[in-house]
Amino acid sequence: MTGEWWPAILAFVGAAVGSGASFYAARRDTQAQASAAADDLHQRERASAREEWGRRFTAALADLNSDDSFRRRQFGRIVLAALVDSDLTSPEDRQLLEDVLLAHARFDQEGDEVGLGAQGMAVDDVRVVEDDGDEAARGAAHD
């Protein structure tokens, strides 16, 4: 009688092991698909955010180079400065933004070039003189 139970027990154990293995494989595949979908979503969100960053950069450059008003140019400068600190800014983009802002800082409201001073110069060493166009009065004051 004991010999009759062995095939049934072995069949049951075989079925249990087969079911467990197929459950493990299906679970692993489902987790891999979910992980791939999450990675794909993250990449799409990142690409969308970079596109928005690019639109803001382009609009800020347009404002910065606008001849319409000082306020609009100032707003473009503020947006560019904010984009420098963005998490979406790559090192190459950050360098480009800094170069653009530095180049734009060289010009005043009328587009005349402004000297930025020497590298390492302290603010206390800078002397600002406004040119009011009255050269004769200035010459008499120094005499």
N, C-alpha and C. Protein backbone atom coordinates (compact mmCIF):
# COMPACT_ATOMS: atom_id res chain seq x y z
N MET A 1 0.81 -1.18 0.00
CA MET A 1 0.00 0.00 0.00
C MET A 1 0.86 1.27 0.00
N THR A 2 1.99 1.18 0.68
CA THR A 2 2.85 2.35 0.70
C THR A 2 3.43 2.64 -0.67
N GLY A 3 3.57 1.68 -1.51
CA GLY A 3 4.10 1.89 -2.86
C GLY A 3 3.13 2.62 -3.75
N GLU A 4 1.86 2.60 -3.46
CA GLU A 4 0.87 3.27 -4.29
C GLU A 4 0.85 4.79 -4.05
N TRP A 5 1.28 5.27 -2.93
CA TRP A 5 1.27 6.70 -2.60
C TRP A 5 2.44 7.47 -3.19
N TRP A 6 3.54 6.84 -3.42
CA TRP A 6 4.71 7.54 -3.93
C TRP A 6 4.47 8.25 -5.26
N PRO A 7 3.87 7.66 -6.23
CA PRO A 7 3.65 8.39 -7.49
C PRO A 7 2.74 9.62 -7.29
N ALA A 8 1.76 9.51 -6.44
CA ALA A 8 0.86 10.65 -6.20
C ALA A 8 1.60 11.78 -5.47
N ILE A 9 2.42 11.41 -4.49
CA ILE A 9 3.19 12.43 -3.74
C ILE A 9 4.19 13.11 -4.66
N LEU A 10 4.88 12.33 -5.48
CA LEU A 10 5.85 12.91 -6.41
C LEU A 10 5.16 13.79 -7.46
N ALA A 11 4.00 13.41 -7.91
CA ALA A 11 3.25 14.23 -8.87
C ALA A 11 2.83 15.55 -8.22
N PHE A 12 2.39 15.49 -6.97
CA PHE A 12 2.00 16.70 -6.25
C PHE A 12 3.20 17.63 -6.05
N VAL A 13 4.34 17.09 -5.63
CA VAL A 13 5.55 17.89 -5.42
C VAL A 13 6.02 18.49 -6.75
N GLY A 14 5.96 17.72 -7.81
CA GLY A 14 6.35 18.22 -9.13
C GLY A 14 5.46 19.38 -9.59
N ALA A 15 4.16 19.23 -9.35
CA ALA A 15 3.22 20.28 -9.73
C ALA A 15 3.47 21.54 -8.90
N ALA A 16 3.75 21.36 -7.62
CA ALA A 16 4.02 22.51 -6.75
C ALA A 16 5.30 23.23 -7.17
N VAL A 17 6.35 22.49 -7.46
CA VAL A 17 7.61 23.10 -7.89
C VAL A 17 7.42 23.81 -9.23
N GLY A 18 6.72 23.19 -10.17
CA GLY A 18 6.47 23.81 -11.48
C GLY A 18 5.64 25.08 -11.35
N SER A 19 4.61 25.05 -10.49
CA SER A 19 3.78 26.24 -10.28
C SER A 19 4.59 27.36 -9.64
N GLY A 20 5.42 27.02 -8.66
CA GLY A 20 6.25 28.02 -8.00
C GLY A 20 7.24 28.65 -8.96
N ALA A 21 7.86 27.83 -9.81
CA ALA A 21 8.83 28.35 -10.78
C ALA A 21 8.16 29.26 -11.80
N SER A 22 6.98 28.87 -12.28
CA SER A 22 6.29 29.72 -13.26
C SER A 22 5.80 31.02 -12.61
N PHE A 23 5.38 30.95 -11.33
CA PHE A 23 4.97 32.17 -10.61
C PHE A 23 6.16 33.11 -10.46
N TYR A 24 7.31 32.58 -10.08
CA TYR A 24 8.51 33.39 -9.92
C TYR A 24 8.91 34.04 -11.24
N ALA A 25 8.88 33.29 -12.34
CA ALA A 25 9.25 33.84 -13.65
C ALA A 25 8.27 34.91 -14.09
N ALA A 26 6.98 34.68 -13.89
CA ALA A 26 5.97 35.68 -14.28
C ALA A 26 6.13 36.94 -13.43
N ARG A 27 6.39 36.78 -12.15
CA ARG A 27 6.57 37.94 -11.27
C ARG A 27 7.80 38.74 -11.66
N ARG A 28 8.89 38.05 -11.98
CA ARG A 28 10.12 38.72 -12.39
C ARG A 28 9.90 39.50 -13.69
N ASP A 29 9.21 38.91 -14.66
CA ASP A 29 8.93 39.60 -15.92
C ASP A 29 8.03 40.81 -15.70
N THR A 30 7.05 40.69 -14.84
CA THR A 30 6.15 41.80 -14.55
C THR A 30 6.91 42.94 -13.89
N GLN A 31 7.79 42.64 -12.96
CA GLN A 31 8.60 43.67 -12.32
C GLN A 31 9.54 44.34 -13.32
N ALA A 32 10.11 43.56 -14.23
CA ALA A 32 11.00 44.13 -15.25
C ALA A 32 10.23 45.07 -16.17
N GLN A 33 9.01 44.67 -16.55
CA GLN A 33 8.19 45.53 -17.40
C GLN A 33 7.80 46.82 -16.67
N ALA A 34 7.45 46.70 -15.40
CA ALA A 34 7.08 47.90 -14.62
C ALA A 34 8.29 48.83 -14.47
N SER A 35 9.46 48.27 -14.24
CA SER A 35 10.67 49.07 -14.12
C SER A 35 11.00 49.77 -15.45
N ALA A 36 10.86 49.04 -16.55
CA ALA A 36 11.12 49.64 -17.86
C ALA A 36 10.11 50.76 -18.16
N ALA A 37 8.86 50.55 -17.79
CA ALA A 37 7.84 51.58 -18.01
C ALA A 37 8.14 52.82 -17.16
N ALA A 38 8.58 52.62 -15.91
CA ALA A 38 8.92 53.75 -15.04
C ALA A 38 10.13 54.51 -15.59
N ASP A 39 11.14 53.78 -16.08
CA ASP A 39 12.32 54.43 -16.68
C ASP A 39 11.93 55.22 -17.93
N ASP A 40 11.06 54.64 -18.74
CA ASP A 40 10.61 55.32 -19.96
C ASP A 40 9.85 56.59 -19.61
N LEU A 41 8.99 56.52 -18.61
CA LEU A 41 8.24 57.70 -18.17
C LEU A 41 9.18 58.78 -17.65
N HIS A 42 10.19 58.37 -16.87
CA HIS A 42 11.17 59.33 -16.34
C HIS A 42 11.92 60.00 -17.49
N GLN A 43 12.32 59.23 -18.49
CA GLN A 43 13.05 59.80 -19.63
C GLN A 43 12.17 60.77 -20.41
N ARG A 44 10.90 60.42 -20.58
CA ARG A 44 9.98 61.31 -21.29
C ARG A 44 9.76 62.61 -20.52
N GLU A 45 9.59 62.49 -19.20
CA GLU A 45 9.41 63.69 -18.38
C GLU A 45 10.65 64.57 -18.44
N ARG A 46 11.83 63.96 -18.39
CA ARG A 46 13.08 64.71 -18.46
C ARG A 46 13.22 65.41 -19.82
N ALA A 47 12.89 64.70 -20.89
CA ALA A 47 12.96 65.29 -22.23
C ALA A 47 11.98 66.45 -22.36
N SER A 48 10.80 66.28 -21.81
CA SER A 48 9.80 67.36 -21.85
C SER A 48 10.28 68.57 -21.06
N ALA A 49 10.87 68.32 -19.91
CA ALA A 49 11.38 69.43 -19.09
C ALA A 49 12.54 70.13 -19.80
N ARG A 50 13.40 69.38 -20.48
CA ARG A 50 14.51 70.00 -21.22
C ARG A 50 13.98 70.85 -22.39
N GLU A 51 12.90 70.37 -23.04
CA GLU A 51 12.30 71.17 -24.11
C GLU A 51 11.75 72.48 -23.55
N GLU A 52 11.10 72.41 -22.39
CA GLU A 52 10.58 73.63 -21.76
C GLU A 52 11.73 74.55 -21.36
N TRP A 53 12.83 73.98 -20.86
CA TRP A 53 14.02 74.76 -20.52
C TRP A 53 14.52 75.49 -21.77
N GLY A 54 14.56 74.79 -22.89
CA GLY A 54 15.02 75.39 -24.15
C GLY A 54 14.10 76.52 -24.61
N ARG A 55 12.79 76.35 -24.44
CA ARG A 55 11.86 77.42 -24.81
C ARG A 55 12.07 78.64 -23.92
N ARG A 56 12.28 78.43 -22.63
CA ARG A 56 12.51 79.55 -21.72
C ARG A 56 13.83 80.24 -22.05
N PHE A 57 14.85 79.47 -22.38
CA PHE A 57 16.14 80.03 -22.74
C PHE A 57 16.00 80.91 -23.99
N THR A 58 15.30 80.40 -25.00
CA THR A 58 15.10 81.15 -26.24
C THR A 58 14.31 82.43 -25.99
N ALA A 59 13.26 82.34 -25.18
CA ALA A 59 12.46 83.53 -24.88
C ALA A 59 13.27 84.54 -24.08
N ALA A 60 14.08 84.07 -23.14
CA ALA A 60 14.91 84.99 -22.35
C ALA A 60 15.94 85.68 -23.22
N LEU A 61 16.53 84.94 -24.16
CA LEU A 61 17.47 85.57 -25.09
C LEU A 61 16.78 86.63 -25.95
N ALA A 62 15.57 86.32 -26.38
CA ALA A 62 14.82 87.30 -27.18
C ALA A 62 14.55 88.55 -26.35
N ASP A 63 14.17 88.37 -25.09
CA ASP A 63 13.93 89.53 -24.22
C ASP A 63 15.22 90.30 -23.95
N LEU A 64 16.31 89.56 -23.76
CA LEU A 64 17.59 90.19 -23.46
C LEU A 64 18.07 91.06 -24.63
N ASN A 65 17.77 90.63 -25.83
CA ASN A 65 18.22 91.35 -27.02
C ASN A 65 17.14 92.29 -27.57
N SER A 66 16.08 92.46 -26.82
CA SER A 66 14.99 93.32 -27.25
C SER A 66 15.40 94.78 -27.19
N ASP A 67 15.00 95.52 -28.18
CA ASP A 67 15.25 96.97 -28.19
C ASP A 67 14.08 97.74 -27.60
N ASP A 68 13.02 97.04 -27.22
CA ASP A 68 11.79 97.70 -26.78
C ASP A 68 11.96 98.47 -25.48
N SER A 69 12.42 97.77 -24.44
CA SER A 69 12.47 98.46 -23.15
C SER A 69 13.54 97.86 -22.25
N PHE A 70 13.97 98.70 -21.34
CA PHE A 70 14.96 98.26 -20.36
C PHE A 70 14.37 97.16 -19.48
N ARG A 71 13.11 97.29 -19.10
CA ARG A 71 12.46 96.30 -18.22
C ARG A 71 12.44 94.93 -18.86
N ARG A 72 12.17 94.89 -20.15
CA ARG A 72 12.12 93.61 -20.85
C ARG A 72 13.51 92.98 -20.90
N ARG A 73 14.52 93.79 -21.17
CA ARG A 73 15.90 93.26 -21.17
C ARG A 73 16.29 92.78 -19.78
N GLN A 74 15.88 93.52 -18.76
CA GLN A 74 16.19 93.13 -17.38
C GLN A 74 15.50 91.81 -17.04
N PHE A 75 14.26 91.64 -17.48
CA PHE A 75 13.53 90.39 -17.24
C PHE A 75 14.25 89.23 -17.92
N GLY A 76 14.72 89.43 -19.15
CA GLY A 76 15.48 88.38 -19.83
C GLY A 76 16.73 88.01 -19.07
N ARG A 77 17.41 89.00 -18.51
CA ARG A 77 18.62 88.74 -17.71
C ARG A 77 18.27 87.95 -16.46
N ILE A 78 17.17 88.29 -15.81
CA ILE A 78 16.74 87.57 -14.59
C ILE A 78 16.42 86.11 -14.91
N VAL A 79 15.71 85.88 -16.01
CA VAL A 79 15.36 84.51 -16.39
C VAL A 79 16.62 83.71 -16.71
N LEU A 80 17.55 84.30 -17.44
CA LEU A 80 18.80 83.60 -17.75
C LEU A 80 19.58 83.26 -16.48
N ALA A 81 19.61 84.20 -15.54
CA ALA A 81 20.31 83.94 -14.27
C ALA A 81 19.63 82.81 -13.51
N ALA A 82 18.30 82.74 -13.57
CA ALA A 82 17.59 81.64 -12.89
C ALA A 82 17.85 80.31 -13.59
N LEU A 83 17.97 80.33 -14.92
CA LEU A 83 18.22 79.09 -15.65
C LEU A 83 19.60 78.52 -15.34
N VAL A 84 20.55 79.36 -14.97
CA VAL A 84 21.89 78.89 -14.62
C VAL A 84 21.81 77.89 -13.45
N ASP A 85 20.92 78.15 -12.50
CA ASP A 85 20.81 77.32 -11.30
C ASP A 85 19.83 76.16 -11.45
N SER A 86 19.23 75.99 -12.62
CA SER A 86 18.25 74.93 -12.82
C SER A 86 18.90 73.56 -12.80
N ASP A 87 18.18 72.57 -12.29
CA ASP A 87 18.67 71.18 -12.29
C ASP A 87 18.78 70.63 -13.71
N LEU A 88 18.06 71.21 -14.63
CA LEU A 88 18.06 70.74 -16.01
C LEU A 88 19.21 71.29 -16.83
N THR A 89 19.95 72.23 -16.28
CA THR A 89 21.04 72.87 -17.02
C THR A 89 22.27 71.96 -17.03
N SER A 90 22.71 71.62 -18.23
CA SER A 90 23.92 70.81 -18.36
C SER A 90 25.14 71.70 -18.13
N PRO A 91 26.29 71.12 -17.87
CA PRO A 91 27.50 71.95 -17.68
C PRO A 91 27.80 72.84 -18.90
N GLU A 92 27.57 72.33 -20.12
CA GLU A 92 27.81 73.13 -21.32
C GLU A 92 26.83 74.29 -21.40
N ASP A 93 25.54 74.01 -21.07
CA ASP A 93 24.53 75.08 -21.07
C ASP A 93 24.84 76.13 -20.00
N ARG A 94 25.30 75.66 -18.84
CA ARG A 94 25.64 76.59 -17.75
C ARG A 94 26.77 77.53 -18.19
N GLN A 95 27.78 76.99 -18.85
CA GLN A 95 28.89 77.82 -19.33
C GLN A 95 28.40 78.82 -20.38
N LEU A 96 27.52 78.37 -21.28
CA LEU A 96 26.96 79.26 -22.29
C LEU A 96 26.17 80.39 -21.64
N LEU A 97 25.33 80.06 -20.67
CA LEU A 97 24.55 81.08 -19.97
C LEU A 97 25.45 82.09 -19.28
N GLU A 98 26.47 81.61 -18.61
CA GLU A 98 27.39 82.52 -17.92
C GLU A 98 28.11 83.42 -18.91
N ASP A 99 28.50 82.88 -20.06
CA ASP A 99 29.16 83.68 -21.08
C ASP A 99 28.22 84.75 -21.64
N VAL A 100 26.96 84.36 -21.88
CA VAL A 100 25.98 85.32 -22.41
C VAL A 100 25.74 86.43 -21.39
N LEU A 101 25.56 86.06 -20.13
CA LEU A 101 25.30 87.06 -19.09
C LEU A 101 26.50 87.99 -18.92
N LEU A 102 27.70 87.44 -18.95
CA LEU A 102 28.90 88.27 -18.83
C LEU A 102 29.04 89.22 -20.01
N ALA A 103 28.79 88.70 -21.22
CA ALA A 103 28.88 89.55 -22.40
C ALA A 103 27.81 90.64 -22.35
N HIS A 104 26.62 90.31 -21.89
CA HIS A 104 25.55 91.31 -21.82
C HIS A 104 25.85 92.35 -20.75
N ALA A 105 26.55 91.97 -19.69
CA ALA A 105 26.88 92.90 -18.62
C ALA A 105 27.89 93.96 -19.09
N ARG A 106 28.52 93.72 -20.20
CA ARG A 106 29.52 94.66 -20.71
C ARG A 106 28.90 95.89 -21.37
N PHE A 107 27.58 95.88 -21.54
CA PHE A 107 26.93 96.99 -22.23
C PHE A 107 25.90 97.64 -21.32
N ASP A 108 25.81 98.98 -21.41
CA ASP A 108 24.81 99.69 -20.61
C ASP A 108 23.49 99.77 -21.38
N GLN A 109 22.55 100.55 -20.86
CA GLN A 109 21.22 100.64 -21.46
C GLN A 109 21.24 101.15 -22.89
N GLU A 110 22.18 102.01 -23.21
CA GLU A 110 22.25 102.57 -24.55
C GLU A 110 23.08 101.71 -25.50
N GLY A 111 23.66 100.63 -25.01
CA GLY A 111 24.46 99.75 -25.85
C GLY A 111 25.93 100.11 -25.89
N ASP A 112 26.35 101.07 -25.05
CA ASP A 112 27.77 101.42 -24.98
C ASP A 112 28.49 100.42 -24.10
N GLU A 113 29.73 100.07 -24.48
CA GLU A 113 30.48 99.10 -23.71
C GLU A 113 30.93 99.71 -22.39
N VAL A 114 30.81 98.91 -21.36
CA VAL A 114 31.17 99.32 -20.01
C VAL A 114 32.37 98.48 -19.58
N GLY A 115 33.37 99.12 -19.01
CA GLY A 115 34.51 98.37 -18.50
C GLY A 115 34.14 97.62 -17.23
N LEU A 116 34.54 96.37 -17.13
CA LEU A 116 34.18 95.57 -15.97
C LEU A 116 35.24 95.59 -14.88
N GLY A 117 36.37 96.19 -15.14
CA GLY A 117 37.44 96.19 -14.14
C GLY A 117 38.34 95.00 -14.32
N ALA A 118 39.40 95.00 -13.56
CA ALA A 118 40.39 93.92 -13.65
C ALA A 118 39.95 92.73 -12.83
N GLN A 119 40.43 91.57 -13.21
CA GLN A 119 40.12 90.33 -12.48
C GLN A 119 40.65 90.44 -11.06
N GLY A 120 39.82 90.12 -10.08
CA GLY A 120 40.22 90.15 -8.68
C GLY A 120 40.12 91.52 -8.05
N MET A 121 39.62 92.49 -8.77
CA MET A 121 39.51 93.85 -8.24
C MET A 121 38.41 93.89 -7.18
N ALA A 122 38.70 94.52 -6.05
CA ALA A 122 37.70 94.67 -4.99
C ALA A 122 36.74 95.79 -5.35
N VAL A 123 35.51 95.68 -4.87
CA VAL A 123 34.51 96.70 -5.15
C VAL A 123 34.95 98.05 -4.59
N ASP A 124 35.65 98.04 -3.48
CA ASP A 124 36.11 99.29 -2.88
C ASP A 124 37.13 100.02 -3.74
N ASP A 125 37.78 99.29 -4.66
CA ASP A 125 38.79 99.89 -5.52
C ASP A 125 38.18 100.58 -6.74
N VAL A 126 36.89 100.40 -6.96
CA VAL A 126 36.23 100.93 -8.15
C VAL A 126 35.76 102.36 -7.89
N ARG A 127 36.07 103.23 -8.81
CA ARG A 127 35.62 104.62 -8.73
C ARG A 127 34.70 104.88 -9.92
N VAL A 128 33.48 105.26 -9.65
CA VAL A 128 32.50 105.49 -10.69
C VAL A 128 32.36 106.99 -10.91
N VAL A 129 32.51 107.41 -12.16
CA VAL A 129 32.39 108.82 -12.52
C VAL A 129 31.34 108.91 -13.63
N GLU A 130 30.34 109.74 -13.40
CA GLU A 130 29.32 109.94 -14.41
C GLU A 130 29.75 111.07 -15.34
N ASP A 131 29.69 110.81 -16.62
CA ASP A 131 30.05 111.81 -17.61
C ASP A 131 28.79 112.59 -17.98
N ASP A 132 28.71 113.83 -17.52
CA ASP A 132 27.54 114.64 -17.82
C ASP A 132 27.77 115.54 -19.03
N GLY A 133 28.93 115.41 -19.64
CA GLY A 133 29.23 116.17 -20.84
C GLY A 133 29.75 117.57 -20.59
N ASP A 134 29.90 117.97 -19.34
CA ASP A 134 30.36 119.32 -19.01
C ASP A 134 31.85 119.27 -18.69
N GLU A 135 32.64 119.12 -19.71
CA GLU A 135 34.10 118.98 -19.56
C GLU A 135 34.74 120.24 -18.99
N ALA A 136 34.27 121.41 -19.38
CA ALA A 136 34.87 122.68 -18.92
C ALA A 136 34.67 122.86 -17.43
N ALA A 137 33.50 122.54 -16.90
CA ALA A 137 33.24 122.72 -15.48
C ALA A 137 34.08 121.75 -14.66
N ARG A 138 34.29 120.56 -15.16
CA ARG A 138 35.09 119.58 -14.46
C ARG A 138 36.55 120.00 -14.41
N GLY A 139 37.04 120.54 -15.52
CA GLY A 139 38.44 121.03 -15.57
C GLY A 139 38.65 122.16 -14.61
N ALA A 140 37.69 123.06 -14.45
CA ALA A 140 37.82 124.21 -13.53
C ALA A 140 37.77 123.73 -12.09
N ALA A 141 37.04 122.68 -11.81
CA ALA A 141 36.93 122.16 -10.44
C ALA A 141 38.23 121.54 -9.99
N HIS A 142 38.98 120.95 -10.92
CA HIS A 142 40.25 120.31 -10.56
C HIS A 142 41.36 121.32 -10.39
N ASP A 143 41.25 122.52 -10.93
CA ASP A 143 42.32 123.52 -10.86
C ASP A 143 42.37 124.22 -9.57
